[in-house]
PDB file of N, CA and C in Angstrom:
ATOM      1  N   MET A   1      -3.968   1.753 -25.807  1.00  0.00           N
ATOM      2  CA  MET A   1      -3.271   2.144 -24.635  1.00  0.00           C
ATOM      3  C   MET A   1      -4.152   3.010 -23.748  1.00  0.00           C
ATOM      4  N   VAL A   2      -4.906   3.883 -24.361  1.00  0.00           N
ATOM      5  CA  VAL A   2      -5.774   4.749 -23.559  1.00  0.00           C
ATOM      6  C   VAL A   2      -6.806   3.900 -22.812  1.00  0.00           C
ATOM      7  N   ALA A   3      -7.405   2.943 -23.500  1.00  0.00           N
ATOM      8  CA  ALA A   3      -8.406   2.085 -22.856  1.00  0.00           C
ATOM      9  C   ALA A   3      -7.780   1.300 -21.711  1.00  0.00           C
ATOM     10  N   LEU A   4      -6.582   0.785 -21.924  1.00  0.00           N
ATOM     11  CA  LEU A   4      -5.905   0.033 -20.878  1.00  0.00           C
ATOM     12  C   LEU A   4      -5.630   0.928 -19.667  1.00  0.00           C
ATOM     13  N   GLY A   5      -5.142   2.108 -19.911  1.00  0.00           N
ATOM     14  CA  GLY A   5      -4.851   3.029 -18.819  1.00  0.00           C
ATOM     15  C   GLY A   5      -6.097   3.479 -18.092  1.00  0.00           C
ATOM     16  N   VAL A   6      -7.124   3.827 -18.840  1.00  0.00           N
ATOM     17  CA  VAL A   6      -8.358   4.324 -18.232  1.00  0.00           C
ATOM     18  C   VAL A   6      -9.055   3.210 -17.456  1.00  0.00           C
ATOM     19  N   LEU A   7      -9.144   2.027 -18.056  1.00  0.00           N
ATOM     20  CA  LEU A   7      -9.839   0.934 -17.379  1.00  0.00           C
ATOM     21  C   LEU A   7      -9.097   0.479 -16.130  1.00  0.00           C
ATOM     22  N   SER A   8      -7.800   0.295 -16.234  1.00  0.00           N
ATOM     23  CA  SER A   8      -7.071  -0.181 -15.062  1.00  0.00           C
ATOM     24  C   SER A   8      -7.029   0.884 -13.969  1.00  0.00           C
ATOM     25  N   THR A   9      -6.838   2.131 -14.357  1.00  0.00           N
ATOM     26  CA  THR A   9      -6.845   3.205 -13.366  1.00  0.00           C
ATOM     27  C   THR A   9      -8.238   3.362 -12.765  1.00  0.00           C
ATOM     28  N   GLY A  10      -9.246   3.278 -13.592  1.00  0.00           N
ATOM     29  CA  GLY A  10     -10.625   3.391 -13.107  1.00  0.00           C
ATOM     30  C   GLY A  10     -10.989   2.270 -12.153  1.00  0.00           C
ATOM     31  N   LEU A  11     -10.599   1.049 -12.475  1.00  0.00           N
ATOM     32  CA  LEU A  11     -10.875  -0.083 -11.593  1.00  0.00           C
ATOM     33  C   LEU A  11     -10.120   0.053 -10.273  1.00  0.00           C
ATOM     34  N   ALA A  12      -8.866   0.477 -10.356  1.00  0.00           N
ATOM     35  CA  ALA A  12      -8.081   0.655  -9.133  1.00  0.00           C
ATOM     36  C   ALA A  12      -8.690   1.751  -8.270  1.00  0.00           C
ATOM     37  N   PHE A  13      -9.116   2.831  -8.882  1.00  0.00           N
ATOM     38  CA  PHE A  13      -9.734   3.929  -8.138  1.00  0.00           C
ATOM     39  C   PHE A  13     -11.030   3.475  -7.481  1.00  0.00           C
ATOM     40  N   ALA A  14     -11.854   2.737  -8.210  1.00  0.00           N
ATOM     41  CA  ALA A  14     -13.121   2.245  -7.660  1.00  0.00           C
ATOM     42  C   ALA A  14     -12.866   1.280  -6.502  1.00  0.00           C
ATOM     43  N   ALA A  15     -11.873   0.418  -6.648  1.00  0.00           N
ATOM     44  CA  ALA A  15     -11.548  -0.514  -5.567  1.00  0.00           C
ATOM     45  C   ALA A  15     -11.042   0.236  -4.339  1.00  0.00           C
ATOM     46  N   PHE A  16     -10.235   1.253  -4.559  1.00  0.00           N
ATOM     47  CA  PHE A  16      -9.699   2.037  -3.452  1.00  0.00           C
ATOM     48  C   PHE A  16     -10.810   2.782  -2.713  1.00  0.00           C
ATOM     49  N   ILE A  17     -11.717   3.387  -3.447  1.00  0.00           N
ATOM     50  CA  ILE A  17     -12.835   4.107  -2.836  1.00  0.00           C
ATOM     51  C   ILE A  17     -13.725   3.139  -2.069  1.00  0.00           C
ATOM     52  N   THR A  18     -13.944   1.940  -2.610  1.00  0.00           N
ATOM     53  CA  THR A  18     -14.729   0.928  -1.905  1.00  0.00           C
ATOM     54  C   THR A  18     -14.047   0.534  -0.600  1.00  0.00           C
ATOM     55  N   LEU A  19     -12.735   0.348  -0.649  1.00  0.00           N
ATOM     56  CA  LEU A  19     -11.982   0.003   0.554  1.00  0.00           C
ATOM     57  C   LEU A  19     -12.103   1.094   1.606  1.00  0.00           C
ATOM     58  N   ILE A  20     -11.925   2.336   1.200  1.00  0.00           N
ATOM     59  CA  ILE A  20     -12.030   3.462   2.131  1.00  0.00           C
ATOM     60  C   ILE A  20     -13.438   3.538   2.715  1.00  0.00           C
ATOM     61  N   GLY A  21     -14.441   3.284   1.895  1.00  0.00           N
ATOM     62  CA  GLY A  21     -15.817   3.309   2.379  1.00  0.00           C
ATOM     63  C   GLY A  21     -16.104   2.222   3.393  1.00  0.00           C
ATOM     64  N   ARG A  22     -15.468   1.073   3.233  1.00  0.00           N
ATOM     65  CA  ARG A  22     -15.740  -0.052   4.140  1.00  0.00           C
ATOM     66  C   ARG A  22     -14.952   0.020   5.436  1.00  0.00           C
ATOM     67  N   VAL A  23     -13.686   0.399   5.371  1.00  0.00           N
ATOM     68  CA  VAL A  23     -12.858   0.361   6.580  1.00  0.00           C
ATOM     69  C   VAL A  23     -12.459   1.736   7.083  1.00  0.00           C
ATOM     70  N   GLY A  24     -12.830   2.774   6.388  1.00  0.00           N
ATOM     71  CA  GLY A  24     -12.502   4.128   6.820  1.00  0.00           C
ATOM     72  C   GLY A  24     -11.128   4.560   6.326  1.00  0.00           C
ATOM     73  N   PRO A  25     -10.640   5.669   6.848  1.00  0.00           N
ATOM     74  CA  PRO A  25      -9.383   6.242   6.377  1.00  0.00           C
ATOM     75  C   PRO A  25      -8.173   5.318   6.565  1.00  0.00           C
ATOM     76  N   ARG A  26      -8.279   4.375   7.496  1.00  0.00           N
ATOM     77  CA  ARG A  26      -7.164   3.459   7.701  1.00  0.00           C
ATOM     78  C   ARG A  26      -6.919   2.585   6.471  1.00  0.00           C
ATOM     79  N   GLY A  27      -7.880   2.508   5.586  1.00  0.00           N
ATOM     80  CA  GLY A  27      -7.721   1.717   4.367  1.00  0.00           C
ATOM     81  C   GLY A  27      -6.663   2.283   3.439  1.00  0.00           C
ATOM     82  N   SER A  28      -6.330   3.544   3.614  1.00  0.00           N
ATOM     83  CA  SER A  28      -5.319   4.148   2.751  1.00  0.00           C
ATOM     84  C   SER A  28      -3.925   3.601   3.027  1.00  0.00           C
ATOM     85  N   VAL A  29      -3.758   2.838   4.096  1.00  0.00           N
ATOM     86  CA  VAL A  29      -2.471   2.219   4.417  1.00  0.00           C
ATOM     87  C   VAL A  29      -2.047   1.267   3.295  1.00  0.00           C
ATOM     88  N   ALA A  30      -3.010   0.741   2.557  1.00  0.00           N
ATOM     89  CA  ALA A  30      -2.693  -0.180   1.463  1.00  0.00           C
ATOM     90  C   ALA A  30      -1.752   0.452   0.447  1.00  0.00           C
ATOM     91  N   VAL A  31      -1.822   1.755   0.290  1.00  0.00           N
ATOM     92  CA  VAL A  31      -0.961   2.454  -0.667  1.00  0.00           C
ATOM     93  C   VAL A  31       0.517   2.332  -0.277  1.00  0.00           C
ATOM     94  N   TYR A  32       0.777   2.231   1.020  1.00  0.00           N
ATOM     95  CA  TYR A  32       2.157   2.123   1.486  1.00  0.00           C
ATOM     96  C   TYR A  32       2.844   0.853   0.995  1.00  0.00           C
ATOM     97  N   PHE A  33       2.074  -0.157   0.665  1.00  0.00           N
ATOM     98  CA  PHE A  33       2.668  -1.439   0.297  1.00  0.00           C
ATOM     99  C   PHE A  33       3.042  -1.540  -1.180  1.00  0.00           C
ATOM    100  N   ILE A  34       2.742  -0.544  -1.972  1.00  0.00           N
ATOM    101  CA  ILE A  34       3.077  -0.579  -3.396  1.00  0.00           C
ATOM    102  C   ILE A  34       4.582  -0.730  -3.615  1.00  0.00           C
ATOM    103  N   PRO A  35       5.453   0.052  -2.960  1.00  0.00           N
ATOM    104  CA  PRO A  35       6.889  -0.140  -3.174  1.00  0.00           C
ATOM    105  C   PRO A  35       7.383  -1.507  -2.698  1.00  0.00           C
ATOM    106  N   VAL A  36       6.810  -2.011  -1.629  1.00  0.00           N
ATOM    107  CA  VAL A  36       7.212  -3.325  -1.117  1.00  0.00           C
ATOM    108  C   VAL A  36       6.880  -4.408  -2.138  1.00  0.00           C
ATOM    109  N   VAL A  37       5.684  -4.355  -2.690  1.00  0.00           N
ATOM    110  CA  VAL A  37       5.262  -5.317  -3.698  1.00  0.00           C
ATOM    111  C   VAL A  37       6.106  -5.156  -4.962  1.00  0.00           C
ATOM    112  N   ALA A  38       6.399  -3.931  -5.342  1.00  0.00           N
ATOM    113  CA  ALA A  38       7.202  -3.688  -6.541  1.00  0.00           C
ATOM    114  C   ALA A  38       8.596  -4.300  -6.406  1.00  0.00           C
ATOM    115  N   ILE A  39       9.203  -4.174  -5.241  1.00  0.00           N
ATOM    116  CA  ILE A  39      10.528  -4.777  -5.030  1.00  0.00           C
ATOM    117  C   ILE A  39      10.417  -6.294  -5.091  1.00  0.00           C
ATOM    118  N   GLY A  40       9.402  -6.845  -4.438  1.00  0.00           N
ATOM    119  CA  GLY A  40       9.217  -8.296  -4.449  1.00  0.00           C
ATOM    120  C   GLY A  40       8.982  -8.844  -5.842  1.00  0.00           C
ATOM    121  N   VAL A  41       8.161  -8.187  -6.616  1.00  0.00           N
ATOM    122  CA  VAL A  41       7.888  -8.634  -7.991  1.00  0.00           C
ATOM    123  C   VAL A  41       9.139  -8.483  -8.852  1.00  0.00           C
ATOM    124  N   GLY A  42       9.869  -7.398  -8.667  1.00  0.00           N
ATOM    125  CA  GLY A  42      11.097  -7.203  -9.432  1.00  0.00           C
ATOM    126  C   GLY A  42      12.116  -8.292  -9.169  1.00  0.00           C
ATOM    127  N   VAL A  43      12.241  -8.683  -7.924  1.00  0.00           N
ATOM    128  CA  VAL A  43      13.184  -9.745  -7.566  1.00  0.00           C
ATOM    129  C   VAL A  43      12.690 -11.095  -8.078  1.00  0.00           C
ATOM    130  N   ALA A  44      11.403 -11.383  -7.855  1.00  0.00           N
ATOM    131  CA  ALA A  44      10.861 -12.701  -8.201  1.00  0.00           C
ATOM    132  C   ALA A  44      10.731 -12.926  -9.706  1.00  0.00           C
ATOM    133  N   LEU A  45      10.273 -11.924 -10.425  1.00  0.00           N
ATOM    134  CA  LEU A  45       9.979 -12.125 -11.841  1.00  0.00           C
ATOM    135  C   LEU A  45      11.057 -11.609 -12.784  1.00  0.00           C
ATOM    136  N   ALA A  46      11.723 -10.554 -12.403  1.00  0.00           N
ATOM    137  CA  ALA A  46      12.700  -9.946 -13.310  1.00  0.00           C
ATOM    138  C   ALA A  46      14.137 -10.238 -12.910  1.00  0.00           C
ATOM    139  N   GLY A  47      14.322 -10.863 -11.761  1.00  0.00           N
ATOM    140  CA  GLY A  47      15.670 -11.174 -11.320  1.00  0.00           C
ATOM    141  C   GLY A  47      16.470  -9.949 -10.897  1.00  0.00           C
ATOM    142  N   ASP A  48      15.775  -8.892 -10.511  1.00  0.00           N
ATOM    143  CA  ASP A  48      16.459  -7.678 -10.068  1.00  0.00           C
ATOM    144  C   ASP A  48      17.220  -7.935  -8.766  1.00  0.00           C
ATOM    145  N   SER A  49      18.247  -7.154  -8.557  1.00  0.00           N
ATOM    146  CA  SER A  49      18.950  -7.219  -7.275  1.00  0.00           C
ATOM    147  C   SER A  49      18.416  -6.104  -6.387  1.00  0.00           C
ATOM    148  N   VAL A  50      18.500  -6.317  -5.093  1.00  0.00           N
ATOM    149  CA  VAL A  50      17.972  -5.344  -4.144  1.00  0.00           C
ATOM    150  C   VAL A  50      19.141  -4.671  -3.429  1.00  0.00           C
ATOM    151  N   ALA A  51      19.192  -3.370  -3.537  1.00  0.00           N
ATOM    152  CA  ALA A  51      20.241  -2.605  -2.877  1.00  0.00           C
ATOM    153  C   ALA A  51      19.917  -2.461  -1.391  1.00  0.00           C
ATOM    154  N   PRO A  52      20.938  -2.347  -0.561  1.00  0.00           N
ATOM    155  CA  PRO A  52      20.692  -2.164   0.880  1.00  0.00           C
ATOM    156  C   PRO A  52      19.817  -0.940   1.176  1.00  0.00           C
ATOM    157  N   LEU A  53      19.970   0.109   0.394  1.00  0.00           N
ATOM    158  CA  LEU A  53      19.148   1.300   0.601  1.00  0.00           C
ATOM    159  C   LEU A  53      17.671   0.993   0.330  1.00  0.00           C
ATOM    160  N   SER A  54      17.410   0.106  -0.629  1.00  0.00           N
ATOM    161  CA  SER A  54      16.026  -0.302  -0.904  1.00  0.00           C
ATOM    162  C   SER A  54      15.438  -1.060   0.273  1.00  0.00           C
ATOM    163  N   LEU A  55      16.240  -1.899   0.895  1.00  0.00           N
ATOM    164  CA  LEU A  55      15.770  -2.633   2.071  1.00  0.00           C
ATOM    165  C   LEU A  55      15.505  -1.678   3.231  1.00  0.00           C
ATOM    166  N   ALA A  56      16.351  -0.678   3.386  1.00  0.00           N
ATOM    167  CA  ALA A  56      16.139   0.329   4.431  1.00  0.00           C
ATOM    168  C   ALA A  56      14.857   1.114   4.147  1.00  0.00           C
ATOM    169  N   GLY A  57      14.637   1.457   2.895  1.00  0.00           N
ATOM    170  CA  GLY A  57      13.421   2.171   2.521  1.00  0.00           C
ATOM    171  C   GLY A  57      12.183   1.315   2.742  1.00  0.00           C
ATOM    172  N   THR A  58      12.300   0.032   2.450  1.00  0.00           N
ATOM    173  CA  THR A  58      11.190  -0.889   2.677  1.00  0.00           C
ATOM    174  C   THR A  58      10.853  -0.958   4.160  1.00  0.00           C
ATOM    175  N   ALA A  59      11.874  -1.025   4.993  1.00  0.00           N
ATOM    176  CA  ALA A  59      11.646  -1.042   6.441  1.00  0.00           C
ATOM    177  C   ALA A  59      10.959   0.244   6.884  1.00  0.00           C
ATOM    178  N   LEU A  60      11.375   1.357   6.327  1.00  0.00           N
ATOM    179  CA  LEU A  60      10.763   2.642   6.656  1.00  0.00           C
ATOM    180  C   LEU A  60       9.293   2.672   6.245  1.00  0.00           C
ATOM    181  N   VAL A  61       8.998   2.136   5.078  1.00  0.00           N
ATOM    182  CA  VAL A  61       7.619   2.080   4.595  1.00  0.00           C
ATOM    183  C   VAL A  61       6.771   1.211   5.514  1.00  0.00           C
ATOM    184  N   LEU A  62       7.294   0.056   5.901  1.00  0.00           N
ATOM    185  CA  LEU A  62       6.535  -0.838   6.777  1.00  0.00           C
ATOM    186  C   LEU A  62       6.320  -0.218   8.159  1.00  0.00           C
ATOM    187  N   ILE A  63       7.306   0.475   8.664  1.00  0.00           N
ATOM    188  CA  ILE A  63       7.150   1.170   9.947  1.00  0.00           C
ATOM    189  C   ILE A  63       6.097   2.271   9.827  1.00  0.00           C
ATOM    190  N   GLY A  64       6.132   3.013   8.725  1.00  0.00           N
ATOM    191  CA  GLY A  64       5.120   4.051   8.497  1.00  0.00           C
ATOM    192  C   GLY A  64       3.717   3.472   8.402  1.00  0.00           C
ATOM    193  N   ALA A  65       3.585   2.334   7.722  1.00  0.00           N
ATOM    194  CA  ALA A  65       2.276   1.686   7.622  1.00  0.00           C
ATOM    195  C   ALA A  65       1.795   1.239   8.991  1.00  0.00           C
ATOM    196  N   TRP A  66       2.699   0.704   9.788  1.00  0.00           N
ATOM    197  CA  TRP A  66       2.328   0.267  11.133  1.00  0.00           C
ATOM    198  C   TRP A  66       1.917   1.463  11.995  1.00  0.00           C
ATOM    199  N   LEU A  67       2.681   2.537  11.920  1.00  0.00           N
ATOM    200  CA  LEU A  67       2.370   3.719  12.730  1.00  0.00           C
ATOM    201  C   LEU A  67       1.030   4.336  12.357  1.00  0.00           C
ATOM    202  N   THR A  68       0.736   4.375  11.077  1.00  0.00           N
ATOM    203  CA  THR A  68      -0.519   5.006  10.659  1.00  0.00           C
ATOM    204  C   THR A  68      -1.727   4.105  10.854  1.00  0.00           C
ATOM    205  N   SER A  69      -1.528   2.820  11.016  1.00  0.00           N
ATOM    206  CA  SER A  69      -2.667   1.922  11.186  1.00  0.00           C
ATOM    207  C   SER A  69      -2.919   1.570  12.647  1.00  0.00           C
ATOM    208  N   ARG A  70      -2.084   2.089  13.545  1.00  0.00           N
ATOM    209  CA  ARG A  70      -2.298   1.817  14.967  1.00  0.00           C
ATOM    210  C   ARG A  70      -3.575   2.469  15.446  1.00  0.00           C
ATOM    211  N   ARG A  71      -4.141   1.856  16.424  1.00  0.00           N
ATOM    212  CA  ARG A  71      -5.338   2.407  17.038  1.00  0.00           C
ATOM    213  C   ARG A  71      -4.947   3.569  17.948  1.00  0.00           C
ATOM    214  N   ASP A  72      -5.731   4.638  17.897  1.00  0.00           N
ATOM    215  CA  ASP A  72      -5.496   5.793  18.761  1.00  0.00           C
ATOM    216  C   ASP A  72      -5.914   5.425  20.178  1.00  0.00           C
ATOM    217  N   PRO A  73      -4.975   5.426  21.133  1.00  0.00           N
ATOM    218  CA  PRO A  73      -5.322   4.996  22.488  1.00  0.00           C
ATOM    219  C   PRO A  73      -6.302   5.925  23.200  1.00  0.00           C
ATOM    220  N   THR A  74      -6.477   7.145  22.720  1.00  0.00           N
ATOM    221  CA  THR A  74      -7.408   8.071  23.362  1.00  0.00           C
ATOM    222  C   THR A  74      -8.848   7.870  22.892  1.00  0.00           C
ATOM    223  N   GLN A  75      -9.038   7.127  21.816  1.00  0.00           N
ATOM    224  CA  GLN A  75     -10.374   6.881  21.281  1.00  0.00           C
ATOM    225  C   GLN A  75     -11.011   5.696  21.998  1.00  0.00           C
ATOM    226  N   PRO A  76     -12.295   5.793  22.324  1.00  0.00           N
ATOM    227  CA  PRO A  76     -12.977   4.639  22.934  1.00  0.00           C
ATOM    228  C   PRO A  76     -13.112   3.508  21.931  1.00  0.00           C
ATOM    229  N   ARG A  77     -13.056   2.313  22.429  1.00  0.00           N
ATOM    230  CA  ARG A  77     -13.134   1.143  21.567  1.00  0.00           C
ATOM    231  C   ARG A  77     -14.586   0.868  21.200  1.00  0.00           C
ATOM    232  N   THR A  78     -14.860   0.666  19.920  1.00  0.00           N
ATOM    233  CA  THR A  78     -16.212   0.354  19.468  1.00  0.00           C
ATOM    234  C   THR A  78     -16.223  -1.032  18.858  1.00  0.00           C
ATOM    235  N   ILE A  79     -17.337  -1.686  18.973  1.00  0.00           N
ATOM    236  CA  ILE A  79     -17.453  -3.047  18.422  1.00  0.00           C
ATOM    237  C   ILE A  79     -18.335  -3.028  17.224  1.00  0.00           C
TER     238      ILE A  79
END
């Protein structure tokens, strides 16, 4: 169990750091999608039901991801 936890956590951490290094701080938006994916997997694989509050929370998460990944209009555009 320790090896499984350390290896999977270590790989996830390394992938996350690589993402941040390549795309900058906006790469952290990927973390927002964990609850969305968890609900989808729960419904698809485990047959879970989705409560209306979960759907509202999912919408809130997606709005937050959109807001944090928007381009700052005051920053000059770089290519």
